Amino acid sequence: MQINYLKEIVIAALEEIKGQNIKILDVTNLTDIADYMIISSGTSHRQVRALANEIVEKCKAAGCPPISVEGEQHGEWVLVDIGAIITHIMLPEVRNFYCLEKLWDNSLLVEIENIS
């Protein structure tokens, strides 16, 4: 499956369940684990889980089921690994604490898009 199409599926799923502050990080030249990291916030544990579930369902329907989903039980930070795209969905306070955008130093990123 073409990566841009898969990226669009993930973004559409996040937007459908009202994910907040969606960012797409192109990490192609920084790591071998993925081409993109998508980061989004949810307003509650329930919404974080719902956002992750929507991504899983949309990707399965497109014929690209996730490799792994981690953190659903607690709903503070859920990671959905779709191979070339890793999506992090977090509560705002967890996102502020771990600050993944800074971890993947913006000065090194080839592309960073702010969706919302």
PDB file of N, CA and C in Angstrom:
ATOM      1  N   MET A   1       0.844  -1.182   0.000  1.00  0.00           N
ATOM      2  CA  MET A   1       0.000   0.000   0.000  1.00  0.00           C
ATOM      3  C   MET A   1       0.886   1.239   0.000  1.00  0.00           C
ATOM      4  N   GLN A   2       0.493   2.223  -0.742  1.00  0.00           N
ATOM      5  CA  GLN A   2       1.262   3.449  -0.834  1.00  0.00           C
ATOM      6  C   GLN A   2       1.211   4.204   0.495  1.00  0.00           C
ATOM      7  N   ILE A   3       2.381   4.657   0.935  1.00  0.00           N
ATOM      8  CA  ILE A   3       2.492   5.276   2.260  1.00  0.00           C
ATOM      9  C   ILE A   3       1.670   6.557   2.378  1.00  0.00           C
ATOM     10  N   ASN A   4       1.580   7.356   1.322  1.00  0.00           N
ATOM     11  CA  ASN A   4       0.801   8.598   1.394  1.00  0.00           C
ATOM     12  C   ASN A   4      -0.683   8.301   1.588  1.00  0.00           C
ATOM     13  N   TYR A   5      -1.161   7.243   0.968  1.00  0.00           N
ATOM     14  CA  TYR A   5      -2.561   6.836   1.138  1.00  0.00           C
ATOM     15  C   TYR A   5      -2.799   6.382   2.576  1.00  0.00           C
ATOM     16  N   LEU A   6      -1.872   5.614   3.110  1.00  0.00           N
ATOM     17  CA  LEU A   6      -1.985   5.145   4.491  1.00  0.00           C
ATOM     18  C   LEU A   6      -1.943   6.321   5.464  1.00  0.00           C
ATOM     19  N   LYS A   7      -1.090   7.287   5.188  1.00  0.00           N
ATOM     20  CA  LYS A   7      -1.001   8.484   6.032  1.00  0.00           C
ATOM     21  C   LYS A   7      -2.329   9.232   6.021  1.00  0.00           C
ATOM     22  N   GLU A   8      -2.949   9.340   4.850  1.00  0.00           N
ATOM     23  CA  GLU A   8      -4.254   9.998   4.739  1.00  0.00           C
ATOM     24  C   GLU A   8      -5.325   9.259   5.537  1.00  0.00           C
ATOM     25  N   ILE A   9      -5.271   7.938   5.538  1.00  0.00           N
ATOM     26  CA  ILE A   9      -6.228   7.137   6.308  1.00  0.00           C
ATOM     27  C   ILE A   9      -6.091   7.429   7.793  1.00  0.00           C
ATOM     28  N   VAL A  10      -4.855   7.463   8.282  1.00  0.00           N
ATOM     29  CA  VAL A  10      -4.611   7.727   9.709  1.00  0.00           C
ATOM     30  C   VAL A  10      -5.089   9.123  10.082  1.00  0.00           C
ATOM     31  N   ILE A  11      -4.751  10.120   9.282  1.00  0.00           N
ATOM     32  CA  ILE A  11      -5.164  11.500   9.565  1.00  0.00           C
ATOM     33  C   ILE A  11      -6.685  11.623   9.554  1.00  0.00           C
ATOM     34  N   ALA A  12      -7.334  11.010   8.568  1.00  0.00           N
ATOM     35  CA  ALA A  12      -8.801  11.060   8.492  1.00  0.00           C
ATOM     36  C   ALA A  12      -9.431  10.417   9.722  1.00  0.00           C
ATOM     37  N   ALA A  13      -8.868   9.307  10.183  1.00  0.00           N
ATOM     38  CA  ALA A  13      -9.389   8.638  11.381  1.00  0.00           C
ATOM     39  C   ALA A  13      -9.250   9.546  12.602  1.00  0.00           C
ATOM     40  N   LEU A  14      -8.109  10.208  12.739  1.00  0.00           N
ATOM     41  CA  LEU A  14      -7.894  11.117  13.870  1.00  0.00           C
ATOM     42  C   LEU A  14      -8.848  12.305  13.809  1.00  0.00           C
ATOM     43  N   GLU A  15      -9.022  12.858  12.630  1.00  0.00           N
ATOM     44  CA  GLU A  15      -9.914  14.009  12.486  1.00  0.00           C
ATOM     45  C   GLU A  15     -11.367  13.627  12.729  1.00  0.00           C
ATOM     46  N   GLU A  16     -11.735  12.419  12.337  1.00  0.00           N
ATOM     47  CA  GLU A  16     -13.125  11.972  12.509  1.00  0.00           C
ATOM     48  C   GLU A  16     -13.522  11.894  13.984  1.00  0.00           C
ATOM     49  N   ILE A  17     -12.586  11.518  14.839  1.00  0.00           N
ATOM     50  CA  ILE A  17     -12.875  11.393  16.276  1.00  0.00           C
ATOM     51  C   ILE A  17     -12.360  12.628  17.026  1.00  0.00           C
ATOM     52  N   LYS A  18     -12.070  13.690  16.304  1.00  0.00           N
ATOM     53  CA  LYS A  18     -11.685  14.989  16.873  1.00  0.00           C
ATOM     54  C   LYS A  18     -10.352  14.962  17.620  1.00  0.00           C
ATOM     55  N   GLY A  19      -9.356  14.273  17.044  1.00  0.00           N
ATOM     56  CA  GLY A  19      -8.007  14.335  17.604  1.00  0.00           C
ATOM     57  C   GLY A  19      -7.509  15.774  17.558  1.00  0.00           C
ATOM     58  N   GLN A  20      -6.725  16.152  18.539  1.00  0.00           N
ATOM     59  CA  GLN A  20      -6.268  17.537  18.650  1.00  0.00           C
ATOM     60  C   GLN A  20      -4.770  17.649  18.401  1.00  0.00           C
ATOM     61  N   ASN A  21      -4.370  18.798  17.866  1.00  0.00           N
ATOM     62  CA  ASN A  21      -2.964  19.135  17.674  1.00  0.00           C
ATOM     63  C   ASN A  21      -2.213  18.011  16.948  1.00  0.00           C
ATOM     64  N   ILE A  22      -2.733  17.619  15.799  1.00  0.00           N
ATOM     65  CA  ILE A  22      -2.155  16.521  15.019  1.00  0.00           C
ATOM     66  C   ILE A  22      -0.892  17.009  14.327  1.00  0.00           C
ATOM     67  N   LYS A  23       0.197  16.276  14.496  1.00  0.00           N
ATOM     68  CA  LYS A  23       1.462  16.602  13.842  1.00  0.00           C
ATOM     69  C   LYS A  23       1.977  15.379  13.098  1.00  0.00           C
ATOM     70  N   ILE A  24       2.533  15.620  11.921  1.00  0.00           N
ATOM     71  CA  ILE A  24       3.134  14.567  11.117  1.00  0.00           C
ATOM     72  C   ILE A  24       4.626  14.852  11.050  1.00  0.00           C
ATOM     73  N   LEU A  25       5.426  13.910  11.501  1.00  0.00           N
ATOM     74  CA  LEU A  25       6.872  14.063  11.471  1.00  0.00           C
ATOM     75  C   LEU A  25       7.451  13.091  10.451  1.00  0.00           C
ATOM     76  N   ASP A  26       8.184  13.598   9.493  1.00  0.00           N
ATOM     77  CA  ASP A  26       8.861  12.753   8.519  1.00  0.00           C
ATOM     78  C   ASP A  26      10.207  12.364   9.135  1.00  0.00           C
ATOM     79  N   VAL A  27      10.337  11.107   9.522  1.00  0.00           N
ATOM     80  CA  VAL A  27      11.556  10.627  10.181  1.00  0.00           C
ATOM     81  C   VAL A  27      12.336   9.660   9.288  1.00  0.00           C
ATOM     82  N   THR A  28      12.048   9.706   7.999  1.00  0.00           N
ATOM     83  CA  THR A  28      12.672   8.794   7.035  1.00  0.00           C
ATOM     84  C   THR A  28      14.191   8.798   7.140  1.00  0.00           C
ATOM     85  N   ASN A  29      14.781   9.969   7.247  1.00  0.00           N
ATOM     86  CA  ASN A  29      16.240  10.075   7.288  1.00  0.00           C
ATOM     87  C   ASN A  29      16.820   9.983   8.691  1.00  0.00           C
ATOM     88  N   LEU A  30      15.965   9.780   9.700  1.00  0.00           N
ATOM     89  CA  LEU A  30      16.439   9.743  11.083  1.00  0.00           C
ATOM     90  C   LEU A  30      16.427   8.356  11.705  1.00  0.00           C
ATOM     91  N   THR A  31      15.604   7.456  11.164  1.00  0.00           N
ATOM     92  CA  THR A  31      15.467   6.134  11.777  1.00  0.00           C
ATOM     93  C   THR A  31      15.012   5.117  10.737  1.00  0.00           C
ATOM     94  N   ASP A  32      15.259   3.859  11.041  1.00  0.00           N
ATOM     95  CA  ASP A  32      14.798   2.775  10.169  1.00  0.00           C
ATOM     96  C   ASP A  32      13.483   2.184  10.644  1.00  0.00           C
ATOM     97  N   ILE A  33      12.983   2.612  11.795  1.00  0.00           N
ATOM     98  CA  ILE A  33      11.776   1.988  12.352  1.00  0.00           C
ATOM     99  C   ILE A  33      10.490   2.445  11.673  1.00  0.00           C
ATOM    100  N   ALA A  34      10.512   3.628  11.061  1.00  0.00           N
ATOM    101  CA  ALA A  34       9.307   4.143  10.401  1.00  0.00           C
ATOM    102  C   ALA A  34       9.697   5.285   9.471  1.00  0.00           C
ATOM    103  N   ASP A  35       8.784   5.610   8.568  1.00  0.00           N
ATOM    104  CA  ASP A  35       8.974   6.774   7.705  1.00  0.00           C
ATOM    105  C   ASP A  35       8.308   8.013   8.297  1.00  0.00           C
ATOM    106  N   TYR A  36       7.175   7.785   8.978  1.00  0.00           N
ATOM    107  CA  TYR A  36       6.442   8.895   9.594  1.00  0.00           C
ATOM    108  C   TYR A  36       6.040   8.546  11.016  1.00  0.00           C
ATOM    109  N   MET A  37       6.045   9.568  11.866  1.00  0.00           N
ATOM    110  CA  MET A  37       5.436   9.487  13.184  1.00  0.00           C
ATOM    111  C   MET A  37       4.332  10.526  13.197  1.00  0.00           C
ATOM    112  N   ILE A  38       3.160  10.087  13.598  1.00  0.00           N
ATOM    113  CA  ILE A  38       2.027  10.993  13.707  1.00  0.00           C
ATOM    114  C   ILE A  38       1.684  11.082  15.185  1.00  0.00           C
ATOM    115  N   ILE A  39       1.549  12.300  15.674  1.00  0.00           N
ATOM    116  CA  ILE A  39       1.277  12.533  17.091  1.00  0.00           C
ATOM    117  C   ILE A  39      -0.025  13.317  17.202  1.00  0.00           C
ATOM    118  N   SER A  40      -0.892  12.874  18.105  1.00  0.00           N
ATOM    119  CA  SER A  40      -2.168  13.550  18.325  1.00  0.00           C
ATOM    120  C   SER A  40      -2.526  13.491  19.800  1.00  0.00           C
ATOM    121  N   SER A  41      -3.325  14.435  20.235  1.00  0.00           N
ATOM    122  CA  SER A  41      -3.823  14.434  21.612  1.00  0.00           C
ATOM    123  C   SER A  41      -5.304  14.106  21.631  1.00  0.00           C
ATOM    124  N   GLY A  42      -5.719  13.480  22.723  1.00  0.00           N
ATOM    125  CA  GLY A  42      -7.121  13.235  23.005  1.00  0.00           C
ATOM    126  C   GLY A  42      -7.463  13.889  24.329  1.00  0.00           C
ATOM    127  N   THR A  43      -8.705  14.266  24.509  1.00  0.00           N
ATOM    128  CA  THR A  43      -9.089  15.029  25.699  1.00  0.00           C
ATOM    129  C   THR A  43      -9.358  14.173  26.935  1.00  0.00           C
ATOM    130  N   SER A  44      -9.498  12.868  26.736  1.00  0.00           N
ATOM    131  CA  SER A  44      -9.769  11.977  27.871  1.00  0.00           C
ATOM    132  C   SER A  44      -9.229  10.591  27.554  1.00  0.00           C
ATOM    133  N   HIS A  45      -9.164   9.731  28.579  1.00  0.00           N
ATOM    134  CA  HIS A  45      -8.724   8.351  28.372  1.00  0.00           C
ATOM    135  C   HIS A  45      -9.613   7.671  27.324  1.00  0.00           C
ATOM    136  N   ARG A  46     -10.888   7.910  27.435  1.00  0.00           N
ATOM    137  CA  ARG A  46     -11.848   7.303  26.503  1.00  0.00           C
ATOM    138  C   ARG A  46     -11.599   7.768  25.070  1.00  0.00           C
ATOM    139  N   GLN A  47     -11.352   9.072  24.885  1.00  0.00           N
ATOM    140  CA  GLN A  47     -11.116   9.566  23.535  1.00  0.00           C
ATOM    141  C   GLN A  47      -9.790   9.041  22.978  1.00  0.00           C
ATOM    142  N   VAL A  48      -8.766   8.950  23.803  1.00  0.00           N
ATOM    143  CA  VAL A  48      -7.482   8.406  23.343  1.00  0.00           C
ATOM    144  C   VAL A  48      -7.681   6.987  22.821  1.00  0.00           C
ATOM    145  N   ARG A  49      -8.415   6.168  23.576  1.00  0.00           N
ATOM    146  CA  ARG A  49      -8.699   4.792  23.132  1.00  0.00           C
ATOM    147  C   ARG A  49      -9.556   4.787  21.866  1.00  0.00           C
ATOM    148  N   ALA A  50     -10.539   5.676  21.782  1.00  0.00           N
ATOM    149  CA  ALA A  50     -11.407   5.744  20.604  1.00  0.00           C
ATOM    150  C   ALA A  50     -10.617   6.159  19.359  1.00  0.00           C
ATOM    151  N   LEU A  51      -9.693   7.097  19.510  1.00  0.00           N
ATOM    152  CA  LEU A  51      -8.855   7.519  18.391  1.00  0.00           C
ATOM    153  C   LEU A  51      -8.022   6.346  17.877  1.00  0.00           C
ATOM    154  N   ALA A  52      -7.406   5.620  18.798  1.00  0.00           N
ATOM    155  CA  ALA A  52      -6.593   4.457  18.410  1.00  0.00           C
ATOM    156  C   ALA A  52      -7.455   3.404  17.729  1.00  0.00           C
ATOM    157  N   ASN A  53      -8.624   3.146  18.285  1.00  0.00           N
ATOM    158  CA  ASN A  53      -9.524   2.146  17.704  1.00  0.00           C
ATOM    159  C   ASN A  53      -9.965   2.544  16.297  1.00  0.00           C
ATOM    160  N   GLU A  54     -10.214   3.817  16.082  1.00  0.00           N
ATOM    161  CA  GLU A  54     -10.630   4.292  14.759  1.00  0.00           C
ATOM    162  C   GLU A  54      -9.510   4.075  13.740  1.00  0.00           C
ATOM    163  N   ILE A  55      -8.281   4.343  14.138  1.00  0.00           N
ATOM    164  CA  ILE A  55      -7.137   4.100  13.245  1.00  0.00           C
ATOM    165  C   ILE A  55      -7.048   2.623  12.895  1.00  0.00           C
ATOM    166  N   VAL A  56      -7.156   1.777  13.916  1.00  0.00           N
ATOM    167  CA  VAL A  56      -7.083   0.325  13.704  1.00  0.00           C
ATOM    168  C   VAL A  56      -8.162  -0.126  12.730  1.00  0.00           C
ATOM    169  N   GLU A  57      -9.398   0.307  12.956  1.00  0.00           N
ATOM    170  CA  GLU A  57     -10.518  -0.118  12.104  1.00  0.00           C
ATOM    171  C   GLU A  57     -10.354   0.376  10.668  1.00  0.00           C
ATOM    172  N   LYS A  58      -9.961   1.640  10.489  1.00  0.00           N
ATOM    173  CA  LYS A  58      -9.794   2.200   9.140  1.00  0.00           C
ATOM    174  C   LYS A  58      -8.649   1.510   8.395  1.00  0.00           C
ATOM    175  N   CYS A  59      -7.573   1.223   9.096  1.00  0.00           N
ATOM    176  CA  CYS A  59      -6.439   0.552   8.452  1.00  0.00           C
ATOM    177  C   CYS A  59      -6.783  -0.895   8.098  1.00  0.00           C
ATOM    178  N   LYS A  60      -7.490  -1.588   8.972  1.00  0.00           N
ATOM    179  CA  LYS A  60      -7.936  -2.952   8.654  1.00  0.00           C
ATOM    180  C   LYS A  60      -8.829  -2.942   7.418  1.00  0.00           C
ATOM    181  N   ALA A  61      -9.755  -2.000   7.362  1.00  0.00           N
ATOM    182  CA  ALA A  61     -10.677  -1.905   6.234  1.00  0.00           C
ATOM    183  C   ALA A  61      -9.932  -1.622   4.928  1.00  0.00           C
ATOM    184  N   ALA A  62      -8.785  -0.939   5.024  1.00  0.00           N
ATOM    185  CA  ALA A  62      -7.989  -0.630   3.839  1.00  0.00           C
ATOM    186  C   ALA A  62      -7.016  -1.760   3.498  1.00  0.00           C
ATOM    187  N   GLY A  63      -7.060  -2.841   4.271  1.00  0.00           N
ATOM    188  CA  GLY A  63      -6.193  -3.980   3.995  1.00  0.00           C
ATOM    189  C   GLY A  63      -4.805  -3.870   4.577  1.00  0.00           C
ATOM    190  N   CYS A  64      -4.635  -3.023   5.574  1.00  0.00           N
ATOM    191  CA  CYS A  64      -3.325  -2.832   6.207  1.00  0.00           C
ATOM    192  C   CYS A  64      -3.487  -2.851   7.728  1.00  0.00           C
ATOM    193  N   PRO A  65      -3.732  -4.035   8.309  1.00  0.00           N
ATOM    194  CA  PRO A  65      -3.923  -4.093   9.756  1.00  0.00           C
ATOM    195  C   PRO A  65      -2.653  -3.704  10.511  1.00  0.00           C
ATOM    196  N   PRO A  66      -2.785  -3.096  11.668  1.00  0.00           N
ATOM    197  CA  PRO A  66      -1.622  -2.694  12.466  1.00  0.00           C
ATOM    198  C   PRO A  66      -0.778  -3.905  12.876  1.00  0.00           C
ATOM    199  N   ILE A  67       0.502  -3.654  13.009  1.00  0.00           N
ATOM    200  CA  ILE A  67       1.428  -4.670  13.505  1.00  0.00           C
ATOM    201  C   ILE A  67       1.228  -4.833  15.004  1.00  0.00           C
ATOM    202  N   SER A  68       0.995  -3.712  15.683  1.00  0.00           N
ATOM    203  CA  SER A  68       0.887  -3.735  17.138  1.00  0.00           C
ATOM    204  C   SER A  68       0.152  -2.493  17.633  1.00  0.00           C
ATOM    205  N   VAL A  69      -0.543  -2.657  18.748  1.00  0.00           N
ATOM    206  CA  VAL A  69      -1.193  -1.544  19.447  1.00  0.00           C
ATOM    207  C   VAL A  69      -0.824  -1.691  20.919  1.00  0.00           C
ATOM    208  N   GLU A  70      -0.260  -0.642  21.492  1.00  0.00           N
ATOM    209  CA  GLU A  70       0.206  -0.678  22.881  1.00  0.00           C
ATOM    210  C   GLU A  70      -0.439   0.449  23.686  1.00  0.00           C
ATOM    211  N   GLY A  71      -0.780   0.169  24.945  1.00  0.00           N
ATOM    212  CA  GLY A  71      -1.249   1.188  25.867  1.00  0.00           C
ATOM    213  C   GLY A  71      -2.746   1.388  25.942  1.00  0.00           C
ATOM    214  N   GLU A  72      -3.520   0.544  25.259  1.00  0.00           N
ATOM    215  CA  GLU A  72      -4.978   0.719  25.252  1.00  0.00           C
ATOM    216  C   GLU A  72      -5.597   0.569  26.638  1.00  0.00           C
ATOM    217  N   GLN A  73      -5.027  -0.278  27.455  1.00  0.00           N
ATOM    218  CA  GLN A  73      -5.618  -0.543  28.770  1.00  0.00           C
ATOM    219  C   GLN A  73      -5.720   0.718  29.625  1.00  0.00           C
ATOM    220  N   HIS A  74      -4.667   1.527  29.619  1.00  0.00           N
ATOM    221  CA  HIS A  74      -4.666   2.723  30.465  1.00  0.00           C
ATOM    222  C   HIS A  74      -5.224   3.954  29.749  1.00  0.00           C
ATOM    223  N   GLY A  75      -5.016   4.044  28.457  1.00  0.00           N
ATOM    224  CA  GLY A  75      -5.581   5.145  27.686  1.00  0.00           C
ATOM    225  C   GLY A  75      -4.926   6.491  27.893  1.00  0.00           C
ATOM    226  N   GLU A  76      -3.716   6.513  28.451  1.00  0.00           N
ATOM    227  CA  GLU A  76      -2.986   7.775  28.593  1.00  0.00           C
ATOM    228  C   GLU A  76      -2.121   8.042  27.369  1.00  0.00           C
ATOM    229  N   TRP A  77      -1.546   6.955  26.832  1.00  0.00           N
ATOM    230  CA  TRP A  77      -0.685   7.031  25.654  1.00  0.00           C
ATOM    231  C   TRP A  77      -0.858   5.721  24.906  1.00  0.00           C
ATOM    232  N   VAL A  78      -1.437   5.783  23.726  1.00  0.00           N
ATOM    233  CA  VAL A  78      -1.623   4.591  22.910  1.00  0.00           C
ATOM    234  C   VAL A  78      -0.771   4.744  21.658  1.00  0.00           C
ATOM    235  N   LEU A  79      -0.001   3.699  21.365  1.00  0.00           N
ATOM    236  CA  LEU A  79       0.841   3.670  20.188  1.00  0.00           C
ATOM    237  C   LEU A  79       0.256   2.671  19.200  1.00  0.00           C
ATOM    238  N   VAL A  80       0.057   3.111  17.968  1.00  0.00           N
ATOM    239  CA  VAL A  80      -0.442   2.233  16.906  1.00  0.00           C
ATOM    240  C   VAL A  80       0.667   2.139  15.849  1.00  0.00           C
ATOM    241  N   ASP A  81       1.215   0.933  15.694  1.00  0.00           N
ATOM    242  CA  ASP A  81       2.305   0.689  14.751  1.00  0.00           C
ATOM    243  C   ASP A  81       1.744   0.058  13.485  1.00  0.00           C
ATOM    244  N   ILE A  82       1.843   0.792  12.384  1.00  0.00           N
ATOM    245  CA  ILE A  82       1.345   0.290  11.099  1.00  0.00           C
ATOM    246  C   ILE A  82       2.533   0.048  10.163  1.00  0.00           C
ATOM    247  N   GLY A  83       3.695  -0.140  10.734  1.00  0.00           N
ATOM    248  CA  GLY A  83       4.881  -0.380   9.925  1.00  0.00           C
ATOM    249  C   GLY A  83       5.572   0.915   9.564  1.00  0.00           C
ATOM    250  N   ALA A  84       5.267   1.455   8.413  1.00  0.00           N
ATOM    251  CA  ALA A  84       5.914   2.686   7.951  1.00  0.00           C
ATOM    252  C   ALA A  84       5.428   3.915   8.711  1.00  0.00           C
ATOM    253  N   ILE A  85       4.312   3.772   9.422  1.00  0.00           N
ATOM    254  CA  ILE A  85       3.760   4.888  10.196  1.00  0.00           C
ATOM    255  C   ILE A  85       3.523   4.430  11.628  1.00  0.00           C
ATOM    256  N   ILE A  86       4.044   5.197  12.562  1.00  0.00           N
ATOM    257  CA  ILE A  86       3.786   4.949  13.979  1.00  0.00           C
ATOM    258  C   ILE A  86       2.998   6.140  14.491  1.00  0.00           C
ATOM    259  N   THR A  87       1.849   5.856  15.088  1.00  0.00           N
ATOM    260  CA  THR A  87       0.993   6.919  15.595  1.00  0.00           C
ATOM    261  C   THR A  87       0.981   6.885  17.117  1.00  0.00           C
ATOM    262  N   HIS A  88       1.220   8.035  17.722  1.00  0.00           N
ATOM    263  CA  HIS A  88       1.180   8.214  19.172  1.00  0.00           C
ATOM    264  C   HIS A  88      -0.042   9.063  19.493  1.00  0.00           C
ATOM    265  N   ILE A  89      -0.919   8.557  20.340  1.00  0.00           N
ATOM    266  CA  ILE A  89      -2.098   9.309  20.771  1.00  0.00           C
ATOM    267  C   ILE A  89      -2.001   9.442  22.283  1.00  0.00           C
ATOM    268  N   MET A  90      -2.009  10.675  22.769  1.00  0.00           N
ATOM    269  CA  MET A  90      -1.744  10.909  24.187  1.00  0.00           C
ATOM    270  C   MET A  90      -2.690  11.925  24.797  1.00  0.00           C
ATOM    271  N   LEU A  91      -2.835  11.820  26.103  1.00  0.00           N
ATOM    272  CA  LEU A  91      -3.474  12.897  26.852  1.00  0.00           C
ATOM    273  C   LEU A  91      -2.531  14.097  26.795  1.00  0.00           C
ATOM    274  N   PRO A  92      -3.063  15.324  26.817  1.00  0.00           N
ATOM    275  CA  PRO A  92      -2.202  16.507  26.707  1.00  0.00           C
ATOM    276  C   PRO A  92      -1.089  16.564  27.754  1.00  0.00           C
ATOM    277  N   GLU A  93      -1.381  16.185  28.995  1.00  0.00           N
ATOM    278  CA  GLU A  93      -0.345  16.255  30.030  1.00  0.00           C
ATOM    279  C   GLU A  93       0.765  15.230  29.789  1.00  0.00           C
ATOM    280  N   VAL A  94       0.427  14.080  29.254  1.00  0.00           N
ATOM    281  CA  VAL A  94       1.430  13.065  28.926  1.00  0.00           C
ATOM    282  C   VAL A  94       2.267  13.555  27.738  1.00  0.00           C
ATOM    283  N   ARG A  95       1.600  14.117  26.771  1.00  0.00           N
ATOM    284  CA  ARG A  95       2.307  14.651  25.594  1.00  0.00           C
ATOM    285  C   ARG A  95       3.272  15.766  25.990  1.00  0.00           C
ATOM    286  N   ASN A  96       2.842  16.648  26.872  1.00  0.00           N
ATOM    287  CA  ASN A  96       3.717  17.728  27.340  1.00  0.00           C
ATOM    288  C   ASN A  96       4.901  17.189  28.128  1.00  0.00           C
ATOM    289  N   PHE A  97       4.683  16.140  28.903  1.00  0.00           N
ATOM    290  CA  PHE A  97       5.753  15.562  29.716  1.00  0.00           C
ATOM    291  C   PHE A  97       6.829  14.912  28.846  1.00  0.00           C
ATOM    292  N   TYR A  98       6.414  14.083  27.879  1.00  0.00           N
ATOM    293  CA  TYR A  98       7.375  13.348  27.052  1.00  0.00           C
ATOM    294  C   TYR A  98       7.895  14.157  25.870  1.00  0.00           C
ATOM    295  N   CYS A  99       7.110  15.099  25.390  1.00  0.00           N
ATOM    296  CA  CYS A  99       7.528  16.052  24.366  1.00  0.00           C
ATOM    297  C   CYS A  99       8.248  15.370  23.189  1.00  0.00           C
ATOM    298  N   LEU A 100       7.560  14.446  22.540  1.00  0.00           N
ATOM    299  CA  LEU A 100       8.153  13.703  21.432  1.00  0.00           C
ATOM    300  C   LEU A 100       8.623  14.605  20.297  1.00  0.00           C
ATOM    301  N   GLU A 101       7.918  15.703  20.077  1.00  0.00           N
ATOM    302  CA  GLU A 101       8.325  16.615  19.019  1.00  0.00           C
ATOM    303  C   GLU A 101       9.741  17.140  19.265  1.00  0.00           C
ATOM    304  N   LYS A 102      10.083  17.389  20.525  1.00  0.00           N
ATOM    305  CA  LYS A 102      11.430  17.857  20.846  1.00  0.00           C
ATOM    306  C   LYS A 102      12.429  16.703  20.819  1.00  0.00           C
ATOM    307  N   LEU A 103      11.971  15.523  21.192  1.00  0.00           N
ATOM    308  CA  LEU A 103      12.852  14.354  21.165  1.00  0.00           C
ATOM    309  C   LEU A 103      13.368  14.114  19.751  1.00  0.00           C
ATOM    310  N   TRP A 104      12.472  14.250  18.784  1.00  0.00           N
ATOM    311  CA  TRP A 104      12.850  14.142  17.380  1.00  0.00           C
ATOM    312  C   TRP A 104      13.168  15.559  16.907  1.00  0.00           C
ATOM    313  N   ASP A 105      14.258  16.098  17.362  1.00  0.00           N
ATOM    314  CA  ASP A 105      14.712  17.465  17.163  1.00  0.00           C
ATOM    315  C   ASP A 105      14.225  18.066  15.847  1.00  0.00           C
ATOM    316  N   ASN A 106      13.388  19.076  15.948  1.00  0.00           N
ATOM    317  CA  ASN A 106      12.783  19.701  14.766  1.00  0.00           C
ATOM    318  C   ASN A 106      13.818  20.217  13.768  1.00  0.00           C
ATOM    319  N   SER A 107      14.987  20.572  14.237  1.00  0.00           N
ATOM    320  CA  SER A 107      15.995  21.068  13.297  1.00  0.00           C
ATOM    321  C   SER A 107      16.519  19.950  12.389  1.00  0.00           C
ATOM    322  N   LEU A 108      16.336  18.699  12.810  1.00  0.00           N
ATOM    323  CA  LEU A 108      16.799  17.572  12.001  1.00  0.00           C
ATOM    324  C   LEU A 108      15.715  17.013  11.104  1.00  0.00           C
ATOM    325  N   LEU A 109      14.474  17.392  11.360  1.00  0.00           N
ATOM    326  CA  LEU A 109      13.371  16.820  10.596  1.00  0.00           C
ATOM    327  C   LEU A 109      13.351  17.358   9.183  1.00  0.00           C
ATOM    328  N   VAL A 110      13.084  16.451   8.264  1.00  0.00           N
ATOM    329  CA  VAL A 110      12.975  16.832   6.863  1.00  0.00           C
ATOM    330  C   VAL A 110      11.661  17.583   6.647  1.00  0.00           C
ATOM    331  N   GLU A 111      10.620  17.129   7.323  1.00  0.00           N
ATOM    332  CA  GLU A 111       9.298  17.732   7.139  1.00  0.00           C
ATOM    333  C   GLU A 111       8.567  17.670   8.472  1.00  0.00           C
ATOM    334  N   ILE A 112       7.914  18.728   8.833  1.00  0.00           N
ATOM    335  CA  ILE A 112       6.998  18.699   9.952  1.00  0.00           C
ATOM    336  C   ILE A 112       5.774  19.493   9.541  1.00  0.00           C
ATOM    337  N   GLU A 113       4.622  18.863   9.673  1.00  0.00           N
ATOM    338  CA  GLU A 113       3.373  19.512   9.286  1.00  0.00           C
ATOM    339  C   GLU A 113       2.518  19.662  10.530  1.00  0.00           C
ATOM    340  N   ASN A 114       1.904  20.794  10.693  1.00  0.00           N
ATOM    341  CA  ASN A 114       0.936  21.000  11.752  1.00  0.00           C
ATOM    342  C   ASN A 114      -0.431  20.987  11.097  1.00  0.00           C
ATOM    343  N   ILE A 115      -1.235  19.980  11.423  1.00  0.00           N
ATOM    344  CA  ILE A 115      -2.531  19.771  10.767  1.00  0.00           C
ATOM    345  C   ILE A 115      -3.605  20.666  11.367  1.00  0.00           C
ATOM    346  N   SER A 116      -3.653  20.734  12.693  1.00  0.00           N
ATOM    347  CA  SER A 116      -4.767  21.491  13.282  1.00  0.00           C
ATOM    348  C   SER A 116      -4.334  22.718  13.993  1.00  0.00           C
TER     349      SER A 116
END
